[in-house]
Amino acid sequence: MPPVRRTRSAKATPAALHLTRFLPYRLSVLANTVSHTVAKLYETRFGITIPEWRIIAVLGGGETLSAGDIARRTAMDKVQVSRAISRMLDSALILRESGDTDRRKALLTLTPKALAIYTEIVPMALAYEAELTDALSDEERATLDQLLTRLQARADALATPAAPEGEEAVDA
């Protein structure tokens, strides 16, 4: 009796992932390149890190926010935000006060020292943005803005778990 030949199962070959063409990877590399380039503008001059700058930028509009609010707005990890806040408190860059309605929720604001840093960095950051986007026409810049807004909305929707059928989604 001849030996039984085993054949491969009819599994589909997975599509190849070309990392240099994979959108999430490309966006991450671009964001990191831009962040680190801008960071060089203020790291040595002001002694602040990327997370600290992001917190200053978020609070720079005069808002008072909690650490959780900052983490959500910047898409930074809560631990990263917490460490940056600790350094900023030690450096007298932010003030922490308990909330009026919920004493457990600390609210953060910038000190005059941090506001002075914000005032100096913003023109540098905007000049870098203008130089970066100078590679695009006005129409391409507008299109990029629209596309990024749509992609962010879609990413947010995909990140929010759908409620099981028959149940409503609840905000955490």
Protein backbone atom coordinates (compact mmCIF):
# COMPACT_ATOMS: atom_id res chain seq x y z
CA MET A 1 0.00 0.00 0.00
CA PRO A 2 1.48 3.38 -0.98
CA PRO A 3 2.09 5.91 1.82
CA VAL A 4 -0.66 8.44 2.44
CA ARG A 5 0.34 11.91 1.30
CA ARG A 6 -0.74 14.66 3.56
CA THR A 7 -1.58 17.91 1.92
CA ARG A 8 -1.50 21.30 3.46
CA SER A 9 -4.82 22.59 4.61
CA ALA A 10 -6.41 25.18 2.41
CA LYS A 11 -5.54 27.99 4.82
CA ALA A 12 -5.29 31.36 3.22
CA THR A 13 -1.86 32.91 3.25
CA PRO A 14 -1.95 36.00 5.43
CA ALA A 15 -1.42 39.27 3.65
CA ALA A 16 2.11 40.57 3.99
CA LEU A 17 2.58 43.55 6.25
CA HIS A 18 4.85 46.13 4.70
CA LEU A 19 5.62 48.18 7.77
CA THR A 20 6.85 51.21 5.83
CA ARG A 21 3.42 51.40 4.12
CA PHE A 22 1.34 50.53 7.23
CA LEU A 23 -0.59 53.69 8.16
CA PRO A 24 -0.52 53.31 11.98
CA TYR A 25 3.25 52.77 11.85
CA ARG A 26 3.79 55.71 9.50
CA LEU A 27 1.69 58.03 11.68
CA SER A 28 3.59 56.92 14.78
CA VAL A 29 6.99 57.48 13.18
CA LEU A 30 5.92 60.89 11.86
CA ALA A 31 4.49 61.93 15.23
CA ASN A 32 7.65 60.80 17.05
CA THR A 33 9.92 62.57 14.56
CA VAL A 34 7.95 65.81 14.88
CA SER A 35 7.71 65.57 18.69
CA HIS A 36 11.41 64.93 19.13
CA THR A 37 12.35 67.72 16.73
CA VAL A 38 10.14 70.21 18.55
CA ALA A 39 11.41 68.87 21.89
CA LYS A 40 14.92 69.92 20.93
CA LEU A 41 13.60 73.50 20.77
CA TYR A 42 12.68 73.54 24.45
CA GLU A 43 14.46 70.70 26.23
CA THR A 44 17.80 72.39 26.73
CA ARG A 45 16.45 75.92 26.96
CA PHE A 46 13.69 75.25 29.50
CA GLY A 47 14.60 71.84 30.94
CA ILE A 48 11.20 70.31 30.23
CA THR A 49 10.32 66.98 28.67
CA ILE A 50 7.83 66.16 25.92
CA PRO A 51 5.11 65.13 28.44
CA GLU A 52 5.72 68.31 30.44
CA TRP A 53 5.43 70.44 27.29
CA ARG A 54 2.18 68.69 26.35
CA ILE A 55 0.75 69.46 29.78
CA ILE A 56 1.86 73.09 29.51
CA ALA A 57 0.32 73.29 26.02
CA VAL A 58 -3.00 71.83 27.20
CA LEU A 59 -3.19 74.11 30.24
CA GLY A 60 -1.78 77.11 28.35
CA GLY A 61 -5.21 78.22 27.25
CA GLY A 62 -6.03 79.08 30.86
CA GLU A 63 -7.96 75.91 31.60
CA THR A 64 -7.96 74.09 34.92
CA LEU A 65 -7.96 70.31 34.36
CA SER A 66 -7.49 67.08 36.28
CA ALA A 67 -4.70 64.64 35.49
CA GLY A 68 -7.29 62.34 33.91
CA ASP A 69 -8.53 65.15 31.66
CA ILE A 70 -4.97 65.86 30.57
CA ALA A 71 -4.31 62.17 29.86
CA ARG A 72 -7.43 61.99 27.67
CA ARG A 73 -6.67 65.20 25.76
CA THR A 74 -3.05 64.31 25.09
CA ALA A 75 -3.54 60.54 24.62
CA MET A 76 -0.68 60.03 27.08
CA ASP A 77 -0.57 57.17 29.53
CA LYS A 78 -1.84 58.08 33.02
CA VAL A 79 1.46 57.01 34.58
CA GLN A 80 3.38 59.26 32.17
CA VAL A 81 1.07 62.17 33.04
CA SER A 82 1.42 61.49 36.76
CA ARG A 83 5.23 61.46 36.59
CA ALA A 84 5.29 64.66 34.56
CA ILE A 85 2.92 66.34 37.02
CA SER A 86 5.17 65.34 39.93
CA ARG A 87 8.22 66.85 38.22
CA MET A 88 6.24 69.97 37.33
CA LEU A 89 5.04 70.40 40.92
CA ASP A 90 8.66 70.08 42.10
CA SER A 91 9.74 72.65 39.48
CA ALA A 92 6.93 75.06 40.41
CA LEU A 93 5.40 74.86 36.91
CA ILE A 94 1.89 73.88 38.00
CA LEU A 95 -0.40 74.33 40.95
CA ARG A 96 -2.62 71.53 42.27
CA GLU A 97 -5.86 72.38 44.04
CA SER A 98 -8.71 70.16 45.11
CA GLY A 99 -11.95 70.57 43.19
CA ASP A 100 -14.93 72.48 44.49
CA THR A 101 -17.42 69.66 43.99
CA ASP A 102 -15.13 66.65 44.41
CA ARG A 103 -12.28 67.12 46.89
CA ARG A 104 -10.63 63.87 45.67
CA LYS A 105 -10.17 65.30 42.16
CA ALA A 106 -7.10 67.54 42.01
CA LEU A 107 -7.25 70.35 39.48
CA LEU A 108 -4.12 71.66 37.81
CA THR A 109 -3.23 75.12 36.54
CA LEU A 110 -0.04 76.67 35.25
CA THR A 111 2.08 78.94 37.39
CA PRO A 112 3.36 82.26 36.01
CA LYS A 113 6.71 80.51 35.45
CA ALA A 114 5.06 77.92 33.19
CA LEU A 115 2.99 80.57 31.42
CA ALA A 116 6.21 82.42 30.58
CA ILE A 117 7.62 79.19 29.10
CA TYR A 118 4.38 78.67 27.14
CA THR A 119 4.58 82.23 25.79
CA GLU A 120 8.15 81.64 24.56
CA ILE A 121 7.62 78.16 23.11
CA VAL A 122 4.37 78.75 21.20
CA PRO A 123 5.94 80.98 18.51
CA MET A 124 8.77 78.46 18.07
CA ALA A 125 6.33 75.55 17.79
CA LEU A 126 4.14 77.44 15.31
CA ALA A 127 7.19 78.38 13.24
CA TYR A 128 8.22 74.70 13.13
CA GLU A 129 4.69 73.70 12.09
CA ALA A 130 4.75 76.32 9.30
CA GLU A 131 8.15 75.08 8.13
CA LEU A 132 6.98 71.46 8.19
CA THR A 133 3.73 72.10 6.34
CA ASP A 134 5.51 74.35 3.84
CA ALA A 135 6.00 71.10 1.88
CA LEU A 136 2.25 71.25 1.15
CA SER A 137 0.11 73.66 -0.83
CA ASP A 138 -2.67 75.58 0.96
CA GLU A 139 -5.21 73.16 -0.52
CA GLU A 140 -3.17 70.13 0.62
CA ARG A 141 -2.89 71.58 4.14
CA ALA A 142 -6.68 72.00 4.27
CA THR A 143 -7.17 68.47 2.95
CA LEU A 144 -4.66 67.06 5.45
CA ASP A 145 -6.51 68.81 8.28
CA GLN A 146 -9.83 67.34 7.13
CA LEU A 147 -8.35 63.85 6.72
CA LEU A 148 -6.68 63.91 10.13
CA THR A 149 -9.95 65.03 11.72
CA ARG A 150 -11.82 62.16 10.02
CA LEU A 151 -9.16 59.60 10.93
CA GLN A 152 -9.15 60.76 14.56
CA ALA A 153 -12.95 60.48 14.75
CA ARG A 154 -12.79 56.99 13.25
CA ALA A 155 -9.96 55.92 15.57
CA ASP A 156 -11.96 57.23 18.55
CA ALA A 157 -15.01 55.26 17.40
CA LEU A 158 -12.96 52.09 16.96
CA ALA A 159 -11.37 52.57 20.38
CA THR A 160 -14.77 52.78 22.07
CA PRO A 161 -16.08 49.27 22.67
CA ALA A 162 -19.53 48.66 21.27
CA ALA A 163 -22.21 47.73 23.79
CA PRO A 164 -23.67 44.23 23.41
CA GLU A 165 -26.87 44.14 21.42
CA GLY A 166 -29.80 45.41 23.43
CA GLU A 167 -27.60 47.41 25.84
CA GLU A 168 -26.65 51.06 25.70
CA ALA A 169 -23.03 52.15 25.86
CA VAL A 170 -22.14 53.80 29.16
CA ASP A 171 -19.43 56.42 29.52
CA ALA A 172 -16.83 55.44 32.10
